Amino acid sequence: MSLTWNLNDFLTSRASVDGFDAEVRGLQADRDRLVDGIRIEVVQAMTSLDTASSALETSAQGLAAAE
């Protein structure tokens, strides 16, 4: 049985691992940005709901006063 190992193989493998690590970090950053964006959209939607609920209540009170 014979086993050979080339230093160049190690360097190539190391570069591949480093590239994969960088890709994983990039994907994690993308995920974090998406999560932040979703949080912002949820807060905006909740604020819009509160505003609409207040406007609806005010309109109902105005209608009741007009009757």
PDB file of N, CA and C in Angstrom:
ATOM      1  N   MET A   1       0.838  -1.147   0.000  1.00  0.00           N
ATOM      2  CA  MET A   1       0.000   0.000   0.000  1.00  0.00           C
ATOM      3  C   MET A   1       0.900   1.232   0.000  1.00  0.00           C
ATOM      4  N   SER A   2       0.482   2.231  -0.740  1.00  0.00           N
ATOM      5  CA  SER A   2       1.283   3.433  -0.853  1.00  0.00           C
ATOM      6  C   SER A   2       0.386   4.639  -0.606  1.00  0.00           C
ATOM      7  N   LEU A   3       0.907   5.607   0.091  1.00  0.00           N
ATOM      8  CA  LEU A   3       0.149   6.816   0.382  1.00  0.00           C
ATOM      9  C   LEU A   3       1.021   7.998  -0.009  1.00  0.00           C
ATOM     10  N   THR A   4       0.455   8.877  -0.792  1.00  0.00           N
ATOM     11  CA  THR A   4       1.192  10.091  -1.168  1.00  0.00           C
ATOM     12  C   THR A   4       0.368  11.304  -0.753  1.00  0.00           C
ATOM     13  N   TRP A   5       1.065  12.335  -0.428  1.00  0.00           N
ATOM     14  CA  TRP A   5       0.414  13.561  -0.020  1.00  0.00           C
ATOM     15  C   TRP A   5       1.181  14.711  -0.628  1.00  0.00           C
ATOM     16  N   ASN A   6       0.479  15.606  -1.231  1.00  0.00           N
ATOM     17  CA  ASN A   6       1.081  16.730  -1.911  1.00  0.00           C
ATOM     18  C   ASN A   6       0.739  17.998  -1.120  1.00  0.00           C
ATOM     19  N   LEU A   7       1.736  18.813  -0.835  1.00  0.00           N
ATOM     20  CA  LEU A   7       1.523  20.062  -0.104  1.00  0.00           C
ATOM     21  C   LEU A   7       0.513  20.945  -0.833  1.00  0.00           C
ATOM     22  N   ASN A   8       0.533  20.907  -2.125  1.00  0.00           N
ATOM     23  CA  ASN A   8      -0.398  21.697  -2.916  1.00  0.00           C
ATOM     24  C   ASN A   8      -1.844  21.273  -2.646  1.00  0.00           C
ATOM     25  N   ASP A   9      -2.066  19.983  -2.399  1.00  0.00           N
ATOM     26  CA  ASP A   9      -3.409  19.499  -2.072  1.00  0.00           C
ATOM     27  C   ASP A   9      -3.905  20.153  -0.789  1.00  0.00           C
ATOM     28  N   PHE A  10      -3.045  20.276   0.181  1.00  0.00           N
ATOM     29  CA  PHE A  10      -3.420  20.906   1.453  1.00  0.00           C
ATOM     30  C   PHE A  10      -3.797  22.367   1.234  1.00  0.00           C
ATOM     31  N   LEU A  11      -3.003  23.077   0.471  1.00  0.00           N
ATOM     32  CA  LEU A  11      -3.268  24.497   0.232  1.00  0.00           C
ATOM     33  C   LEU A  11      -4.570  24.687  -0.539  1.00  0.00           C
ATOM     34  N   THR A  12      -4.808  23.822  -1.508  1.00  0.00           N
ATOM     35  CA  THR A  12      -6.046  23.893  -2.275  1.00  0.00           C
ATOM     36  C   THR A  12      -7.243  23.593  -1.373  1.00  0.00           C
ATOM     37  N   SER A  13      -7.117  22.574  -0.546  1.00  0.00           N
ATOM     38  CA  SER A  13      -8.201  22.221   0.370  1.00  0.00           C
ATOM     39  C   SER A  13      -8.455  23.352   1.360  1.00  0.00           C
ATOM     40  N   ARG A  14      -7.388  23.932   1.876  1.00  0.00           N
ATOM     41  CA  ARG A  14      -7.514  25.028   2.839  1.00  0.00           C
ATOM     42  C   ARG A  14      -8.224  26.216   2.188  1.00  0.00           C
ATOM     43  N   ALA A  15      -7.894  26.513   0.947  1.00  0.00           N
ATOM     44  CA  ALA A  15      -8.541  27.616   0.231  1.00  0.00           C
ATOM     45  C   ALA A  15     -10.022  27.312   0.033  1.00  0.00           C
ATOM     46  N   SER A  16     -10.352  26.062  -0.245  1.00  0.00           N
ATOM     47  CA  SER A  16     -11.751  25.681  -0.409  1.00  0.00           C
ATOM     48  C   SER A  16     -12.512  25.848   0.897  1.00  0.00           C
ATOM     49  N   VAL A  17     -11.913  25.421   1.983  1.00  0.00           N
ATOM     50  CA  VAL A  17     -12.560  25.553   3.293  1.00  0.00           C
ATOM     51  C   VAL A  17     -12.750  27.027   3.631  1.00  0.00           C
ATOM     52  N   ASP A  18     -11.734  27.833   3.390  1.00  0.00           N
ATOM     53  CA  ASP A  18     -11.845  29.267   3.655  1.00  0.00           C
ATOM     54  C   ASP A  18     -12.952  29.887   2.806  1.00  0.00           C
ATOM     55  N   GLY A  19     -13.040  29.461   1.545  1.00  0.00           N
ATOM     56  CA  GLY A  19     -14.099  29.962   0.665  1.00  0.00           C
ATOM     57  C   GLY A  19     -15.473  29.576   1.169  1.00  0.00           C
ATOM     58  N   PHE A  20     -15.613  28.339   1.622  1.00  0.00           N
ATOM     59  CA  PHE A  20     -16.898  27.888   2.163  1.00  0.00           C
ATOM     60  C   PHE A  20     -17.240  28.645   3.439  1.00  0.00           C
ATOM     61  N   ASP A  21     -16.244  28.868   4.289  1.00  0.00           N
ATOM     62  CA  ASP A  21     -16.482  29.633   5.514  1.00  0.00           C
ATOM     63  C   ASP A  21     -16.964  31.045   5.194  1.00  0.00           C
ATOM     64  N   ALA A  22     -16.351  31.663   4.211  1.00  0.00           N
ATOM     65  CA  ALA A  22     -16.752  33.013   3.810  1.00  0.00           C
ATOM     66  C   ALA A  22     -18.176  32.998   3.256  1.00  0.00           C
ATOM     67  N   GLU A  23     -18.502  31.984   2.495  1.00  0.00           N
ATOM     68  CA  GLU A  23     -19.855  31.875   1.945  1.00  0.00           C
ATOM     69  C   GLU A  23     -20.884  31.697   3.063  1.00  0.00           C
ATOM     70  N   VAL A  24     -20.556  30.889   4.052  1.00  0.00           N
ATOM     71  CA  VAL A  24     -21.456  30.678   5.190  1.00  0.00           C
ATOM     72  C   VAL A  24     -21.656  31.991   5.937  1.00  0.00           C
ATOM     73  N   ARG A  25     -20.592  32.734   6.168  1.00  0.00           N
ATOM     74  CA  ARG A  25     -20.713  34.022   6.858  1.00  0.00           C
ATOM     75  C   ARG A  25     -21.582  34.989   6.047  1.00  0.00           C
ATOM     76  N   GLY A  26     -21.410  34.973   4.747  1.00  0.00           N
ATOM     77  CA  GLY A  26     -22.229  35.830   3.891  1.00  0.00           C
ATOM     78  C   GLY A  26     -23.701  35.447   3.945  1.00  0.00           C
ATOM     79  N   LEU A  27     -23.971  34.147   3.933  1.00  0.00           N
ATOM     80  CA  LEU A  27     -25.352  33.681   4.014  1.00  0.00           C
ATOM     81  C   LEU A  27     -25.971  34.005   5.372  1.00  0.00           C
ATOM     82  N   GLN A  28     -25.171  33.897   6.430  1.00  0.00           N
ATOM     83  CA  GLN A  28     -25.675  34.256   7.759  1.00  0.00           C
ATOM     84  C   GLN A  28     -25.999  35.745   7.834  1.00  0.00           C
ATOM     85  N   ALA A  29     -25.174  36.563   7.221  1.00  0.00           N
ATOM     86  CA  ALA A  29     -25.430  38.008   7.202  1.00  0.00           C
ATOM     87  C   ALA A  29     -26.701  38.306   6.406  1.00  0.00           C
ATOM     88  N   ASP A  30     -26.892  37.604   5.284  1.00  0.00           N
ATOM     89  CA  ASP A  30     -28.122  37.766   4.498  1.00  0.00           C
ATOM     90  C   ASP A  30     -29.340  37.400   5.341  1.00  0.00           C
ATOM     91  N   ARG A  31     -29.253  36.279   6.058  1.00  0.00           N
ATOM     92  CA  ARG A  31     -30.355  35.842   6.905  1.00  0.00           C
ATOM     93  C   ARG A  31     -30.650  36.880   7.977  1.00  0.00           C
ATOM     94  N   ASP A  32     -29.609  37.418   8.595  1.00  0.00           N
ATOM     95  CA  ASP A  32     -29.791  38.426   9.637  1.00  0.00           C
ATOM     96  C   ASP A  32     -30.489  39.674   9.089  1.00  0.00           C
ATOM     97  N   ARG A  33     -30.099  40.087   7.871  1.00  0.00           N
ATOM     98  CA  ARG A  33     -30.745  41.247   7.250  1.00  0.00           C
ATOM     99  C   ARG A  33     -32.214  40.957   6.957  1.00  0.00           C
ATOM    100  N   LEU A  34     -32.515  39.747   6.495  1.00  0.00           N
ATOM    101  CA  LEU A  34     -33.908  39.381   6.238  1.00  0.00           C
ATOM    102  C   LEU A  34     -34.733  39.376   7.520  1.00  0.00           C
ATOM    103  N   VAL A  35     -34.177  38.831   8.593  1.00  0.00           N
ATOM    104  CA  VAL A  35     -34.878  38.801   9.879  1.00  0.00           C
ATOM    105  C   VAL A  35     -35.136  40.228  10.351  1.00  0.00           C
ATOM    106  N   ASP A  36     -34.141  41.095  10.232  1.00  0.00           N
ATOM    107  CA  ASP A  36     -34.318  42.495  10.635  1.00  0.00           C
ATOM    108  C   ASP A  36     -35.404  43.164   9.794  1.00  0.00           C
ATOM    109  N   GLY A  37     -35.402  42.893   8.504  1.00  0.00           N
ATOM    110  CA  GLY A  37     -36.414  43.464   7.613  1.00  0.00           C
ATOM    111  C   GLY A  37     -37.812  42.993   7.982  1.00  0.00           C
ATOM    112  N   ILE A  38     -37.943  41.721   8.304  1.00  0.00           N
ATOM    113  CA  ILE A  38     -39.244  41.181   8.701  1.00  0.00           C
ATOM    114  C   ILE A  38     -39.708  41.830  10.009  1.00  0.00           C
ATOM    115  N   ARG A  39     -38.794  41.987  10.948  1.00  0.00           N
ATOM    116  CA  ARG A  39     -39.150  42.643  12.217  1.00  0.00           C
ATOM    117  C   ARG A  39     -39.663  44.065  11.973  1.00  0.00           C
ATOM    118  N   ILE A  40     -38.972  44.786  11.112  1.00  0.00           N
ATOM    119  CA  ILE A  40     -39.386  46.162  10.800  1.00  0.00           C
ATOM    120  C   ILE A  40     -40.772  46.162  10.172  1.00  0.00           C
ATOM    121  N   GLU A  41     -41.021  45.243   9.237  1.00  0.00           N
ATOM    122  CA  GLU A  41     -42.331  45.175   8.591  1.00  0.00           C
ATOM    123  C   GLU A  41     -43.429  44.839   9.596  1.00  0.00           C
ATOM    124  N   VAL A  42     -43.144  43.959  10.536  1.00  0.00           N
ATOM    125  CA  VAL A  42     -44.135  43.598  11.555  1.00  0.00           C
ATOM    126  C   VAL A  42     -44.452  44.808  12.428  1.00  0.00           C
ATOM    127  N   VAL A  43     -43.422  45.527  12.850  1.00  0.00           N
ATOM    128  CA  VAL A  43     -43.648  46.721  13.677  1.00  0.00           C
ATOM    129  C   VAL A  43     -44.464  47.755  12.904  1.00  0.00           C
ATOM    130  N   GLN A  44     -44.144  47.951  11.623  1.00  0.00           N
ATOM    131  CA  GLN A  44     -44.900  48.900  10.805  1.00  0.00           C
ATOM    132  C   GLN A  44     -46.359  48.463  10.656  1.00  0.00           C
ATOM    133  N   ALA A  45     -46.581  47.175  10.464  1.00  0.00           N
ATOM    134  CA  ALA A  45     -47.943  46.660  10.333  1.00  0.00           C
ATOM    135  C   ALA A  45     -48.720  46.840  11.630  1.00  0.00           C
ATOM    136  N   MET A  46     -48.079  46.596  12.761  1.00  0.00           N
ATOM    137  CA  MET A  46     -48.746  46.763  14.058  1.00  0.00           C
ATOM    138  C   MET A  46     -49.090  48.235  14.288  1.00  0.00           C
ATOM    139  N   THR A  47     -48.180  49.123  13.919  1.00  0.00           N
ATOM    140  CA  THR A  47     -48.429  50.558  14.056  1.00  0.00           C
ATOM    141  C   THR A  47     -49.595  50.978  13.164  1.00  0.00           C
ATOM    142  N   SER A  48     -49.630  50.486  11.942  1.00  0.00           N
ATOM    143  CA  SER A  48     -50.736  50.790  11.028  1.00  0.00           C
ATOM    144  C   SER A  48     -52.058  50.263  11.572  1.00  0.00           C
ATOM    145  N   LEU A  49     -52.035  49.087  12.158  1.00  0.00           N
ATOM    146  CA  LEU A  49     -53.241  48.514  12.751  1.00  0.00           C
ATOM    147  C   LEU A  49     -53.739  49.384  13.904  1.00  0.00           C
ATOM    148  N   ASP A  50     -52.814  49.814  14.755  1.00  0.00           N
ATOM    149  CA  ASP A  50     -53.202  50.686  15.872  1.00  0.00           C
ATOM    150  C   ASP A  50     -53.804  51.998  15.363  1.00  0.00           C
ATOM    151  N   THR A  51     -53.189  52.566  14.338  1.00  0.00           N
ATOM    152  CA  THR A  51     -53.679  53.816  13.764  1.00  0.00           C
ATOM    153  C   THR A  51     -55.071  53.626  13.164  1.00  0.00           C
ATOM    154  N   ALA A  52     -55.245  52.545  12.420  1.00  0.00           N
ATOM    155  CA  ALA A  52     -56.546  52.271  11.803  1.00  0.00           C
ATOM    156  C   ALA A  52     -57.611  52.007  12.860  1.00  0.00           C
ATOM    157  N   SER A  53     -57.247  51.300  13.915  1.00  0.00           N
ATOM    158  CA  SER A  53     -58.208  51.028  14.995  1.00  0.00           C
ATOM    159  C   SER A  53     -58.637  52.323  15.665  1.00  0.00           C
ATOM    160  N   SER A  54     -57.695  53.212  15.900  1.00  0.00           N
ATOM    161  CA  SER A  54     -58.016  54.504  16.515  1.00  0.00           C
ATOM    162  C   SER A  54     -58.908  55.325  15.600  1.00  0.00           C
ATOM    163  N   ALA A  55     -58.603  55.321  14.317  1.00  0.00           N
ATOM    164  CA  ALA A  55     -59.419  56.077  13.353  1.00  0.00           C
ATOM    165  C   ALA A  55     -60.823  55.503  13.286  1.00  0.00           C
ATOM    166  N   LEU A  56     -60.956  54.204  13.323  1.00  0.00           N
ATOM    167  CA  LEU A  56     -62.267  53.553  13.290  1.00  0.00           C
ATOM    168  C   LEU A  56     -63.073  53.906  14.541  1.00  0.00           C
ATOM    169  N   GLU A  57     -62.430  53.885  15.689  1.00  0.00           N
ATOM    170  CA  GLU A  57     -63.102  54.232  16.936  1.00  0.00           C
ATOM    171  C   GLU A  57     -63.558  55.691  16.925  1.00  0.00           C
ATOM    172  N   THR A  58     -62.713  56.568  16.434  1.00  0.00           N
ATOM    173  CA  THR A  58     -63.058  57.988  16.343  1.00  0.00           C
ATOM    174  C   THR A  58     -64.233  58.190  15.396  1.00  0.00           C
ATOM    175  N   SER A  59     -64.222  57.499  14.285  1.00  0.00           N
ATOM    176  CA  SER A  59     -65.323  57.595  13.321  1.00  0.00           C
ATOM    177  C   SER A  59     -66.626  57.088  13.931  1.00  0.00           C
ATOM    178  N   ALA A  60     -66.555  55.988  14.671  1.00  0.00           N
ATOM    179  CA  ALA A  60     -67.746  55.437  15.308  1.00  0.00           C
ATOM    180  C   ALA A  60     -68.296  56.415  16.338  1.00  0.00           C
ATOM    181  N   GLN A  61     -67.423  57.060  17.089  1.00  0.00           N
ATOM    182  CA  GLN A  61     -67.872  58.044  18.068  1.00  0.00           C
ATOM    183  C   GLN A  61     -68.505  59.260  17.388  1.00  0.00           C
ATOM    184  N   GLY A  62     -67.919  59.688  16.286  1.00  0.00           N
ATOM    185  CA  GLY A  62     -68.481  60.812  15.527  1.00  0.00           C
ATOM    186  C   GLY A  62     -69.844  60.459  14.951  1.00  0.00           C
ATOM    187  N   LEU A  63     -69.981  59.252  14.474  1.00  0.00           N
ATOM    188  CA  LEU A  63     -71.253  58.804  13.917  1.00  0.00           C
ATOM    189  C   LEU A  63     -72.318  58.739  15.017  1.00  0.00           C
ATOM    190  N   ALA A  64     -71.947  58.208  16.176  1.00  0.00           N
ATOM    191  CA  ALA A  64     -72.884  58.127  17.285  1.00  0.00           C
ATOM    192  C   ALA A  64     -73.299  59.511  17.755  1.00  0.00           C
ATOM    193  N   ALA A  65     -72.373  60.458  17.744  1.00  0.00           N
ATOM    194  CA  ALA A  65     -72.692  61.825  18.175  1.00  0.00           C
ATOM    195  C   ALA A  65     -73.596  62.514  17.174  1.00  0.00           C
ATOM    196  N   ALA A  66     -73.471  62.169  15.905  1.00  0.00           N
ATOM    197  CA  ALA A  66     -74.262  62.796  14.866  1.00  0.00           C
ATOM    198  C   ALA A  66     -75.705  62.275  14.842  1.00  0.00           C
ATOM    199  N   GLU A  67     -75.948  61.137  15.433  1.00  0.00           N
ATOM    200  CA  GLU A  67     -77.288  60.551  15.395  1.00  0.00           C
ATOM    201  C   GLU A  67     -78.188  61.159  16.374  1.00  0.00           C
TER     202      GLU A  67
END
